[in-house]
């Protein structure tokens, strides 16, 4: 009878493992950036002459140019 416990509990162990990894991914791992960095890069040369607002990314973060 005790020999049946291991095969019968295997699906529950696998389910607990998947749920635990999902929780770990959501709470422990760092979140990916909301947008890729390339989407934030806008060249500002010549843009100010056209009257538009440009964005520049520097080491200090995002700034409006």
Protein backbone atom coordinates (compact mmCIF):
# COMPACT_ATOMS: atom_id res chain seq x y z
CA UNK A 1 0.00 0.00 0.00
CA UNK A 2 2.81 2.45 0.84
CA UNK A 3 4.41 1.67 -2.52
CA UNK A 4 1.48 3.39 -4.27
CA UNK A 5 1.99 6.71 -2.46
CA UNK A 6 5.00 7.74 -4.53
CA UNK A 7 3.46 7.24 -8.00
CA UNK A 8 0.12 8.68 -6.87
CA UNK A 9 1.73 11.83 -5.45
CA UNK A 10 3.98 12.50 -8.48
CA UNK A 11 1.44 14.70 -10.34
CA UNK A 12 0.93 16.81 -7.20
CA UNK A 13 4.67 17.21 -6.72
CA UNK A 14 5.04 18.32 -10.33
CA UNK A 15 2.12 20.75 -9.96
CA UNK A 16 3.64 22.21 -6.79
CA UNK A 17 6.99 22.57 -8.57
CA UNK A 18 5.45 24.44 -11.50
CA UNK A 19 3.43 26.70 -9.20
CA UNK A 20 6.51 27.40 -7.08
CA UNK A 21 8.61 28.28 -10.10
CA UNK A 22 5.85 30.54 -11.40
CA UNK A 23 5.68 32.36 -8.07
CA UNK A 24 9.48 32.64 -7.98
CA UNK A 25 9.53 34.10 -11.48
CA UNK A 26 6.89 36.71 -10.56
CA UNK A 27 8.26 37.74 -7.16
CA UNK A 28 12.00 37.05 -7.06
CA UNK A 29 13.35 37.62 -10.57
CA UNK A 30 13.74 41.23 -11.70
CA UNK A 31 11.06 42.49 -14.05
CA UNK A 32 12.06 43.04 -17.67
CA UNK A 33 12.10 46.63 -18.88
CA UNK A 34 8.71 47.90 -20.03
CA UNK A 35 10.07 48.96 -23.41
CA UNK A 36 13.33 48.20 -25.15
CA UNK A 37 15.97 50.89 -24.84
CA UNK A 38 16.03 51.35 -28.60
CA UNK A 39 12.40 52.53 -28.49
CA UNK A 40 13.38 55.37 -26.15
CA UNK A 41 16.37 56.59 -28.15
CA UNK A 42 15.52 59.51 -30.37
CA UNK A 43 18.17 61.58 -32.08
CA UNK A 44 17.73 65.19 -31.11
CA UNK A 45 19.98 66.81 -33.70
CA UNK A 46 17.92 68.98 -36.00
CA UNK A 47 14.71 68.11 -34.20
CA UNK A 48 14.72 71.25 -32.06
CA UNK A 49 14.78 73.37 -35.22
CA UNK A 50 11.56 71.69 -36.33
CA UNK A 51 9.86 72.58 -33.05
CA UNK A 52 9.55 69.01 -31.80
CA UNK A 53 10.55 67.64 -28.44
CA UNK A 54 13.27 65.05 -28.46
CA UNK A 55 14.23 62.49 -25.86
CA UNK A 56 17.76 61.59 -24.89
CA UNK A 57 18.91 58.71 -22.73
CA UNK A 58 22.03 59.28 -20.69
CA UNK A 59 23.65 57.61 -17.72
CA UNK A 60 21.40 59.62 -15.41
CA UNK A 61 18.21 58.44 -17.08
CA UNK A 62 15.72 59.83 -19.55
CA UNK A 63 15.63 63.59 -20.14
CA UNK A 64 13.67 65.85 -22.46
CA UNK A 65 15.89 67.74 -24.88
